[in-house]
Amino acid sequence: MCGTCGCGAHHTHEHEHEHGHAHHPGADSVVIQVEQDILSRNNLLAERNRGYFEALGIFCLNLMSSPGSGKTTLLEATIRRLKEKKALYVIEGDQQTSNDADRVAALGVPVFQVNTGTGCHLDAAMVNHAVKHLGPAHGSVLFIENVGNLVCPALFDLGEAAKVVIVSTTEGDDKPLKYPHIFCEASVCVINKIDLQPYLDTDVATLRENALKANPALQVFEVSAAKGDGMEAWCDWISSPAS
């Protein structure tokens, strides 16, 4: 078990690497040492990833959310709007299947699937491996769709330019208060499925307010990926020169 998040030690990655877990007598000492080792190894490789992205002018976004937030639908809608303007690449993280990667590939965008098995997040080594296969072009945008989870993905730096947390109206407006760490780690929050508000008890204004309570510096976009509402502002942010 990983000491930081409790995911299975035997991730089903599409590459080989060592977690460097140490085994010593005493449960407490093992947990502390494993946690330090995982994070230090991960952070070192994340900095290498970041240096590579910055050198090539690649804008890398780490998309994080719970399952069912509409993360892949948002990604598809974003790709449709930007693929004629920017070179786009996608790393798809899922525990099982290539369903989401197949949806992205159908849009004509290069995509690399990473199945984590029992693992609940992507790490910098997985991203490094995927990038070597994708070979993103200079000045491109790289989307990393992380495993659906509102806890563990926030712990791991992947070398991205920005962490984006996606939350949908169907999840309730208290989600940022229940899972504040991922909102604190993110610099951008996308509130999705705003078209469903009339049919739900969720209040979008309250959801936004709670997200900003968790992290006042968040840049917030309110969208309906399915209907197209708010997508222009989100896509403008991604393709802007400041990015």
C-alpha atoms as a PDB file:
ATOM      1  CA  MET A   1       0.000   0.000   0.000  1.00  0.00           C
ATOM      2  CA  CYS A   2       1.271   3.486  -0.805  1.00  0.00           C
ATOM      3  CA  GLY A   3       1.846   5.376   2.430  1.00  0.00           C
ATOM      4  CA  THR A   4       0.443   8.619   1.073  1.00  0.00           C
ATOM      5  CA  CYS A   5      -2.879   7.546  -0.373  1.00  0.00           C
ATOM      6  CA  GLY A   6      -3.449   3.866   0.393  1.00  0.00           C
ATOM      7  CA  CYS A   7      -3.729   2.763  -3.236  1.00  0.00           C
ATOM      8  CA  GLY A   8      -2.527  -0.708  -4.181  1.00  0.00           C
ATOM      9  CA  ALA A   9       1.216  -1.176  -4.470  1.00  0.00           C
ATOM     10  CA  HIS A  10       0.843  -3.149  -7.716  1.00  0.00           C
ATOM     11  CA  HIS A  11      -0.317  -0.443 -10.151  1.00  0.00           C
ATOM     12  CA  THR A  12      -1.017  -1.791 -13.618  1.00  0.00           C
ATOM     13  CA  HIS A  13       1.025   0.833 -15.449  1.00  0.00           C
ATOM     14  CA  GLU A  14       2.018   0.522 -19.100  1.00  0.00           C
ATOM     15  CA  HIS A  15       5.659   0.763 -18.069  1.00  0.00           C
ATOM     16  CA  GLU A  16       7.999  -0.489 -15.408  1.00  0.00           C
ATOM     17  CA  HIS A  17       9.358   1.504 -12.502  1.00  0.00           C
ATOM     18  CA  GLU A  18      10.126   1.039  -8.862  1.00  0.00           C
ATOM     19  CA  HIS A  19       8.224   2.756  -6.083  1.00  0.00           C
ATOM     20  CA  GLY A  20      11.220   2.292  -3.803  1.00  0.00           C
ATOM     21  CA  HIS A  21       9.118   1.105  -0.871  1.00  0.00           C
ATOM     22  CA  ALA A  22      11.226   0.303   2.159  1.00  0.00           C
ATOM     23  CA  HIS A  23      10.309  -2.452   4.619  1.00  0.00           C
ATOM     24  CA  HIS A  24      11.502  -2.186   8.198  1.00  0.00           C
ATOM     25  CA  PRO A  25      10.172  -3.443  11.509  1.00  0.00           C
ATOM     26  CA  GLY A  26       7.444  -1.278  13.003  1.00  0.00           C
ATOM     27  CA  ALA A  27       4.349  -0.210  11.112  1.00  0.00           C
ATOM     28  CA  ASP A  28       4.664   3.474  11.942  1.00  0.00           C
ATOM     29  CA  SER A  29       8.237   3.788  10.695  1.00  0.00           C
ATOM     30  CA  VAL A  30       7.327   2.057   7.421  1.00  0.00           C
ATOM     31  CA  VAL A  31       4.453   4.449   6.672  1.00  0.00           C
ATOM     32  CA  ILE A  32       6.535   7.545   7.350  1.00  0.00           C
ATOM     33  CA  GLN A  33       9.501   6.370   5.304  1.00  0.00           C
ATOM     34  CA  VAL A  34       7.386   5.209   2.342  1.00  0.00           C
ATOM     35  CA  GLU A  35       5.505   8.510   2.248  1.00  0.00           C
ATOM     36  CA  GLN A  36       8.701  10.529   2.161  1.00  0.00           C
ATOM     37  CA  ASP A  37      10.244   8.291  -0.483  1.00  0.00           C
ATOM     38  CA  ILE A  38       7.239   8.366  -2.819  1.00  0.00           C
ATOM     39  CA  LEU A  39       6.802  12.110  -2.659  1.00  0.00           C
ATOM     40  CA  SER A  40      10.490  12.944  -3.031  1.00  0.00           C
ATOM     41  CA  ARG A  41      10.925  10.617  -6.028  1.00  0.00           C
ATOM     42  CA  ASN A  42       7.705  11.864  -7.584  1.00  0.00           C
ATOM     43  CA  ASN A  43       8.521  15.536  -7.058  1.00  0.00           C
ATOM     44  CA  LEU A  44      11.977  15.162  -8.592  1.00  0.00           C
ATOM     45  CA  LEU A  45      10.543  13.654 -11.770  1.00  0.00           C
ATOM     46  CA  ALA A  46       7.703  16.193 -11.780  1.00  0.00           C
ATOM     47  CA  GLU A  47      10.285  18.982 -11.930  1.00  0.00           C
ATOM     48  CA  ARG A  48      11.922  17.253 -14.884  1.00  0.00           C
ATOM     49  CA  ASN A  49       8.530  17.029 -16.606  1.00  0.00           C
ATOM     50  CA  ARG A  50       7.887  20.699 -15.882  1.00  0.00           C
ATOM     51  CA  GLY A  51      11.268  21.730 -17.279  1.00  0.00           C
ATOM     52  CA  TYR A  52      10.569  19.778 -20.458  1.00  0.00           C
ATOM     53  CA  PHE A  53       7.121  21.361 -20.867  1.00  0.00           C
ATOM     54  CA  GLU A  54       8.443  24.863 -20.269  1.00  0.00           C
ATOM     55  CA  ALA A  55      11.355  24.384 -22.672  1.00  0.00           C
ATOM     56  CA  LEU A  56       8.961  23.400 -25.460  1.00  0.00           C
ATOM     57  CA  GLY A  57       6.231  25.867 -24.541  1.00  0.00           C
ATOM     58  CA  ILE A  58       3.779  23.051 -23.798  1.00  0.00           C
ATOM     59  CA  PHE A  59       0.792  24.126 -21.696  1.00  0.00           C
ATOM     60  CA  CYS A  60       0.020  21.112 -19.503  1.00  0.00           C
ATOM     61  CA  LEU A  61      -3.234  20.863 -17.555  1.00  0.00           C
ATOM     62  CA  ASN A  62      -3.978  18.244 -14.894  1.00  0.00           C
ATOM     63  CA  LEU A  63      -7.750  17.645 -14.908  1.00  0.00           C
ATOM     64  CA  MET A  64      -8.996  16.250 -11.593  1.00  0.00           C
ATOM     65  CA  SER A  65     -12.500  15.378 -10.436  1.00  0.00           C
ATOM     66  CA  SER A  66     -14.703  12.703  -8.946  1.00  0.00           C
ATOM     67  CA  PRO A  67     -16.189  10.072 -11.289  1.00  0.00           C
ATOM     68  CA  GLY A  68     -19.276  11.331 -13.091  1.00  0.00           C
ATOM     69  CA  SER A  69     -18.405  15.037 -13.066  1.00  0.00           C
ATOM     70  CA  GLY A  70     -18.402  15.145 -16.862  1.00  0.00           C
ATOM     71  CA  LYS A  71     -14.615  15.458 -17.082  1.00  0.00           C
ATOM     72  CA  THR A  72     -14.328  13.522 -20.339  1.00  0.00           C
ATOM     73  CA  THR A  73     -17.325  15.322 -21.842  1.00  0.00           C
ATOM     74  CA  LEU A  74     -15.664  18.630 -20.961  1.00  0.00           C
ATOM     75  CA  LEU A  75     -12.440  17.423 -22.563  1.00  0.00           C
ATOM     76  CA  GLU A  76     -14.269  16.367 -25.735  1.00  0.00           C
ATOM     77  CA  ALA A  77     -16.074  19.705 -25.983  1.00  0.00           C
ATOM     78  CA  THR A  78     -12.784  21.540 -25.437  1.00  0.00           C
ATOM     79  CA  ILE A  79     -10.999  19.514 -28.104  1.00  0.00           C
ATOM     80  CA  ARG A  80     -13.736  20.204 -30.660  1.00  0.00           C
ATOM     81  CA  ARG A  81     -13.320  23.937 -30.130  1.00  0.00           C
ATOM     82  CA  LEU A  82      -9.533  24.071 -30.047  1.00  0.00           C
ATOM     83  CA  LYS A  83      -8.158  21.351 -32.320  1.00  0.00           C
ATOM     84  CA  GLU A  84      -8.094  23.634 -35.354  1.00  0.00           C
ATOM     85  CA  LYS A  85      -6.247  26.327 -33.389  1.00  0.00           C
ATOM     86  CA  LYS A  86      -3.785  24.326 -31.296  1.00  0.00           C
ATOM     87  CA  ALA A  87      -1.920  21.041 -31.396  1.00  0.00           C
ATOM     88  CA  LEU A  88      -3.585  18.981 -28.658  1.00  0.00           C
ATOM     89  CA  TYR A  89      -2.453  15.833 -26.848  1.00  0.00           C
ATOM     90  CA  VAL A  90      -4.136  13.801 -24.128  1.00  0.00           C
ATOM     91  CA  ILE A  91      -2.972  11.411 -21.411  1.00  0.00           C
ATOM     92  CA  GLU A  92      -5.930   9.362 -20.159  1.00  0.00           C
ATOM     93  CA  GLY A  93      -5.767   7.919 -16.664  1.00  0.00           C
ATOM     94  CA  ASP A  94      -8.230   5.236 -15.610  1.00  0.00           C
ATOM     95  CA  GLN A  95      -8.172   2.204 -13.381  1.00  0.00           C
ATOM     96  CA  GLN A  96      -9.613  -0.028 -16.108  1.00  0.00           C
ATOM     97  CA  THR A  97     -10.696   0.125 -19.791  1.00  0.00           C
ATOM     98  CA  SER A  98      -9.757   2.483 -22.603  1.00  0.00           C
ATOM     99  CA  ASN A  99     -13.293   3.862 -22.963  1.00  0.00           C
ATOM    100  CA  ASP A 100     -12.362   7.505 -22.421  1.00  0.00           C
ATOM    101  CA  ALA A 101      -9.212   7.246 -24.545  1.00  0.00           C
ATOM    102  CA  ASP A 102     -11.318   5.795 -27.360  1.00  0.00           C
ATOM    103  CA  ARG A 103     -13.675   8.789 -27.146  1.00  0.00           C
ATOM    104  CA  VAL A 104     -10.740  11.188 -27.413  1.00  0.00           C
ATOM    105  CA  ALA A 105      -9.082   9.242 -30.238  1.00  0.00           C
ATOM    106  CA  ALA A 106     -12.320   9.443 -32.227  1.00  0.00           C
ATOM    107  CA  LEU A 107     -11.791  13.221 -32.350  1.00  0.00           C
ATOM    108  CA  GLY A 108      -8.468  12.791 -34.147  1.00  0.00           C
ATOM    109  CA  VAL A 109      -6.260  13.814 -31.236  1.00  0.00           C
ATOM    110  CA  PRO A 110      -3.171  11.816 -30.119  1.00  0.00           C
ATOM    111  CA  VAL A 111      -3.947  10.065 -26.832  1.00  0.00           C
ATOM    112  CA  PHE A 112      -2.030   7.712 -24.552  1.00  0.00           C
ATOM    113  CA  GLN A 113      -3.884   5.437 -22.123  1.00  0.00           C
ATOM    114  CA  VAL A 114      -2.550   4.729 -18.637  1.00  0.00           C
ATOM    115  CA  ASN A 115      -4.437   2.068 -16.662  1.00  0.00           C
ATOM    116  CA  THR A 116      -3.584   2.153 -12.973  1.00  0.00           C
ATOM    117  CA  GLY A 117      -5.367  -1.037 -11.880  1.00  0.00           C
ATOM    118  CA  THR A 118      -6.017  -0.553  -8.175  1.00  0.00           C
ATOM    119  CA  GLY A 119      -4.116   2.754  -8.161  1.00  0.00           C
ATOM    120  CA  CYS A 120      -6.239   5.842  -7.509  1.00  0.00           C
ATOM    121  CA  HIS A 121      -4.092   8.522  -9.185  1.00  0.00           C
ATOM    122  CA  LEU A 122      -1.476   9.240 -11.824  1.00  0.00           C
ATOM    123  CA  ASP A 123       2.087  10.070 -10.821  1.00  0.00           C
ATOM    124  CA  ALA A 124       4.965  11.914 -12.482  1.00  0.00           C
ATOM    125  CA  ALA A 125       6.606   8.704 -13.731  1.00  0.00           C
ATOM    126  CA  MET A 126       3.448   7.645 -15.569  1.00  0.00           C
ATOM    127  CA  VAL A 127       3.203  11.071 -17.198  1.00  0.00           C
ATOM    128  CA  ASN A 128       6.886  11.010 -18.160  1.00  0.00           C
ATOM    129  CA  HIS A 129       6.417   7.613 -19.807  1.00  0.00           C
ATOM    130  CA  ALA A 130       3.289   8.743 -21.660  1.00  0.00           C
ATOM    131  CA  VAL A 131       4.930  11.949 -22.896  1.00  0.00           C
ATOM    132  CA  LYS A 132       7.819   9.960 -24.396  1.00  0.00           C
ATOM    133  CA  HIS A 133       5.291   8.043 -26.473  1.00  0.00           C
ATOM    134  CA  LEU A 134       3.178  11.058 -27.445  1.00  0.00           C
ATOM    135  CA  GLY A 135       6.035  13.447 -28.281  1.00  0.00           C
ATOM    136  CA  PRO A 136       3.925  16.622 -27.965  1.00  0.00           C
ATOM    137  CA  ALA A 137       4.857  19.418 -30.353  1.00  0.00           C
ATOM    138  CA  HIS A 138       6.313  22.781 -29.432  1.00  0.00           C
ATOM    139  CA  GLY A 139       3.590  25.202 -28.309  1.00  0.00           C
ATOM    140  CA  SER A 140       0.964  22.486 -27.890  1.00  0.00           C
ATOM    141  CA  VAL A 141      -1.554  21.847 -25.124  1.00  0.00           C
ATOM    142  CA  LEU A 142      -1.311  18.622 -23.134  1.00  0.00           C
ATOM    143  CA  PHE A 143      -4.362  17.516 -21.161  1.00  0.00           C
ATOM    144  CA  ILE A 144      -3.875  14.954 -18.400  1.00  0.00           C
ATOM    145  CA  GLU A 145      -7.200  13.419 -17.425  1.00  0.00           C
ATOM    146  CA  ASN A 146      -6.474  12.019 -13.988  1.00  0.00           C
ATOM    147  CA  VAL A 147      -8.191   9.069 -12.344  1.00  0.00           C
ATOM    148  CA  GLY A 148     -11.616   9.991 -10.950  1.00  0.00           C
ATOM    149  CA  ASN A 149     -10.902  10.781  -7.298  1.00  0.00           C
ATOM    150  CA  LEU A 150     -11.176  13.931  -5.173  1.00  0.00           C
ATOM    151  CA  VAL A 151      -8.387  13.011  -2.739  1.00  0.00           C
ATOM    152  CA  CYS A 152      -5.280  11.242  -4.040  1.00  0.00           C
ATOM    153  CA  PRO A 153      -4.624  13.094  -7.334  1.00  0.00           C
ATOM    154  CA  ALA A 154      -4.157  16.326  -5.371  1.00  0.00           C
ATOM    155  CA  LEU A 155      -1.167  14.825  -3.546  1.00  0.00           C
ATOM    156  CA  PHE A 156       0.958  14.202  -6.636  1.00  0.00           C
ATOM    157  CA  ASP A 157       2.691  16.881  -8.692  1.00  0.00           C
ATOM    158  CA  LEU A 158       2.864  15.752 -12.332  1.00  0.00           C
ATOM    159  CA  GLY A 159       4.807  18.739 -13.658  1.00  0.00           C
ATOM    160  CA  GLU A 160       1.673  20.445 -14.935  1.00  0.00           C
ATOM    161  CA  ALA A 161       1.313  24.184 -15.413  1.00  0.00           C
ATOM    162  CA  ALA A 162      -2.024  24.140 -13.608  1.00  0.00           C
ATOM    163  CA  LYS A 163      -4.243  21.766 -11.678  1.00  0.00           C
ATOM    164  CA  VAL A 164      -7.892  22.053 -12.706  1.00  0.00           C
ATOM    165  CA  VAL A 165     -10.577  20.678 -10.386  1.00  0.00           C
ATOM    166  CA  ILE A 166     -13.896  19.932 -12.064  1.00  0.00           C
ATOM    167  CA  VAL A 167     -17.061  19.685  -9.997  1.00  0.00           C
ATOM    168  CA  SER A 168     -20.588  19.203 -11.314  1.00  0.00           C
ATOM    169  CA  THR A 169     -23.893  20.533 -10.034  1.00  0.00           C
ATOM    170  CA  THR A 170     -25.071  16.932  -9.616  1.00  0.00           C
ATOM    171  CA  GLU A 171     -22.543  16.468  -6.801  1.00  0.00           C
ATOM    172  CA  GLY A 172     -24.093  19.083  -4.525  1.00  0.00           C
ATOM    173  CA  ASP A 173     -22.872  22.542  -3.592  1.00  0.00           C
ATOM    174  CA  ASP A 174     -20.987  21.415  -0.457  1.00  0.00           C
ATOM    175  CA  LYS A 175     -18.350  19.361  -2.307  1.00  0.00           C
ATOM    176  CA  PRO A 176     -15.558  21.968  -1.872  1.00  0.00           C
ATOM    177  CA  LEU A 177     -16.192  22.010   1.876  1.00  0.00           C
ATOM    178  CA  LYS A 178     -16.038  18.218   2.122  1.00  0.00           C
ATOM    179  CA  TYR A 179     -12.907  17.885  -0.037  1.00  0.00           C
ATOM    180  CA  PRO A 180     -11.064  21.182   0.478  1.00  0.00           C
ATOM    181  CA  HIS A 181      -7.523  19.951  -0.205  1.00  0.00           C
ATOM    182  CA  ILE A 182      -8.018  19.356  -3.919  1.00  0.00           C
ATOM    183  CA  PHE A 183      -9.573  22.827  -4.277  1.00  0.00           C
ATOM    184  CA  CYS A 184      -6.630  24.331  -2.379  1.00  0.00           C
ATOM    185  CA  GLU A 185      -4.121  22.592  -4.654  1.00  0.00           C
ATOM    186  CA  ALA A 186      -5.918  23.651  -7.840  1.00  0.00           C
ATOM    187  CA  SER A 187      -5.578  27.056  -9.463  1.00  0.00           C
ATOM    188  CA  VAL A 188      -8.680  26.627 -11.636  1.00  0.00           C
ATOM    189  CA  CYS A 189     -12.163  25.287 -10.860  1.00  0.00           C
ATOM    190  CA  VAL A 190     -14.656  24.333 -13.553  1.00  0.00           C
ATOM    191  CA  ILE A 191     -18.260  24.030 -12.392  1.00  0.00           C
ATOM    192  CA  ASN A 192     -19.897  21.734 -14.925  1.00  0.00           C
ATOM    193  CA  LYS A 193     -23.499  20.817 -15.781  1.00  0.00           C
ATOM    194  CA  ILE A 194     -24.893  24.245 -14.950  1.00  0.00           C
ATOM    195  CA  ASP A 195     -27.776  23.499 -17.322  1.00  0.00           C
ATOM    196  CA  LEU A 196     -29.095  20.973 -14.791  1.00  0.00           C
ATOM    197  CA  GLN A 197     -29.449  23.452 -11.928  1.00  0.00           C
ATOM    198  CA  PRO A 198     -33.242  23.903 -12.434  1.00  0.00           C
ATOM    199  CA  TYR A 199     -33.708  20.178 -11.765  1.00  0.00           C
ATOM    200  CA  LEU A 200     -31.470  19.959  -8.692  1.00  0.00           C
ATOM    201  CA  ASP A 201     -31.252  21.287  -5.150  1.00  0.00           C
ATOM    202  CA  THR A 202     -27.740  22.511  -5.916  1.00  0.00           C
ATOM    203  CA  ASP A 203     -27.223  26.259  -6.149  1.00  0.00           C
ATOM    204  CA  VAL A 204     -24.401  27.209  -8.524  1.00  0.00           C
ATOM    205  CA  ALA A 205     -23.719  30.486  -6.709  1.00  0.00           C
ATOM    206  CA  THR A 206     -23.321  28.590  -3.415  1.00  0.00           C
ATOM    207  CA  LEU A 207     -21.086  26.019  -5.074  1.00  0.00           C
ATOM    208  CA  ARG A 208     -18.892  28.795  -6.441  1.00  0.00           C
ATOM    209  CA  GLU A 209     -18.837  30.537  -3.054  1.00  0.00           C
ATOM    210  CA  ASN A 210     -17.805  27.332  -1.298  1.00  0.00           C
ATOM    211  CA  ALA A 211     -15.027  26.715  -3.827  1.00  0.00           C
ATOM    212  CA  LEU A 212     -13.691  30.210  -3.163  1.00  0.00           C
ATOM    213  CA  LYS A 213     -13.945  29.627   0.587  1.00  0.00           C
ATOM    214  CA  ALA A 214     -11.602  26.678   0.152  1.00  0.00           C
ATOM    215  CA  ASN A 215      -9.280  28.677  -2.125  1.00  0.00           C
ATOM    216  CA  PRO A 216      -9.942  32.402  -2.663  1.00  0.00           C
ATOM    217  CA  ALA A 217      -7.370  32.478  -5.488  1.00  0.00           C
ATOM    218  CA  LEU A 218      -9.284  30.016  -7.682  1.00  0.00           C
ATOM    219  CA  GLN A 219     -10.190  31.071 -11.189  1.00  0.00           C
ATOM    220  CA  VAL A 220     -13.718  29.744 -11.682  1.00  0.00           C
ATOM    221  CA  PHE A 221     -15.485  28.849 -14.928  1.00  0.00           C
ATOM    222  CA  GLU A 222     -19.176  27.905 -14.992  1.00  0.00           C
ATOM    223  CA  VAL A 223     -19.970  25.683 -17.968  1.00  0.00           C
ATOM    224  CA  SER A 224     -22.262  23.142 -19.495  1.00  0.00           C
ATOM    225  CA  ALA A 225     -19.962  20.937 -21.527  1.00  0.00           C
ATOM    226  CA  ALA A 226     -22.975  19.150 -23.003  1.00  0.00           C
ATOM    227  CA  LYS A 227     -24.865  22.291 -24.055  1.00  0.00           C
ATOM    228  CA  GLY A 228     -21.920  24.620 -24.707  1.00  0.00           C
ATOM    229  CA  ASP A 229     -22.726  27.282 -22.115  1.00  0.00           C
ATOM    230  CA  GLY A 230     -19.605  29.018 -20.794  1.00  0.00           C
ATOM    231  CA  MET A 231     -17.253  27.016 -23.006  1.00  0.00           C
ATOM    232  CA  GLU A 232     -15.963  30.031 -24.911  1.00  0.00           C
ATOM    233  CA  ALA A 233     -14.435  31.657 -21.812  1.00  0.00           C
ATOM    234  CA  TRP A 234     -12.869  28.344 -20.722  1.00  0.00           C
ATOM    235  CA  CYS A 235     -11.349  27.702 -24.157  1.00  0.00           C
ATOM    236  CA  ASP A 236     -10.150  31.301 -24.468  1.00  0.00           C
ATOM    237  CA  TRP A 237      -8.274  30.864 -21.200  1.00  0.00           C
ATOM    238  CA  ILE A 238      -6.556  27.716 -22.479  1.00  0.00           C
ATOM    239  CA  SER A 239      -5.562  29.212 -25.821  1.00  0.00           C
ATOM    240  CA  SER A 240      -4.646  32.689 -24.584  1.00  0.00           C
ATOM    241  CA  PRO A 241      -1.042  33.871 -25.026  1.00  0.00           C
ATOM    242  CA  ALA A 242      -0.774  34.295 -21.250  1.00  0.00           C
ATOM    243  CA  SER A 243      -1.172  30.546 -20.887  1.00  0.00           C
END
